[in-house]
Amino acid sequence: MDTTDRDIINDLQGGFPLSERPYAEAAARLGLTEDELIRRLDDLLEKGALTRFAPMYHAERLGGALTLAAMKIPADEFERVAGIVNGFPEVAHNYAREHEFNMWFVLATETPQRINEVIGEIEKATGYRVYNMPKLEEFFVGLRFEA
């Protein structure tokens, strides 16, 4: 990752323009052309330096809900259960952990009521309890690179 890539990552975490040509506007801010910015973002994604380049929506402000959930899954059942859980469109991330609670995922739903419905559906489909850990307070952690 060179200085320009670090500048791109640092800058775009602070916001992305809402305009007719957002990439052109962001590129101008960085002293790049629109094509160069898009090419560099594609390269960062292809190399795995970025896993995602997309907007982050505040689900609660849109009327929806988020929660963190965990499950205790026997090792020999993990892949089967992960496949079922990941099949729910409301599951945003699903991670294996080395802990008694070895499966952690985020649920994002269109309504707050849907959280408990999805948890019930997952429990019914997998046969395992889902532990709901709703957000009490929100923090934003940014990652900044020295240019």
Foldseek 3Di string as FASTA:
>chain_A
DDPLLLVLQQVCVVHFDDDPLRLQVSQVVSVHHSVVSVVSVVVCCVVVVDVDDDDDDDLVVQQKFKWKKFWQDPPVCVVVLVVVLVVDPQWDDWAADPDSRGIMTMGIGNHHVVVVVVQVVSCVVRVTHMGIGGDPDDDDDGDHDDD
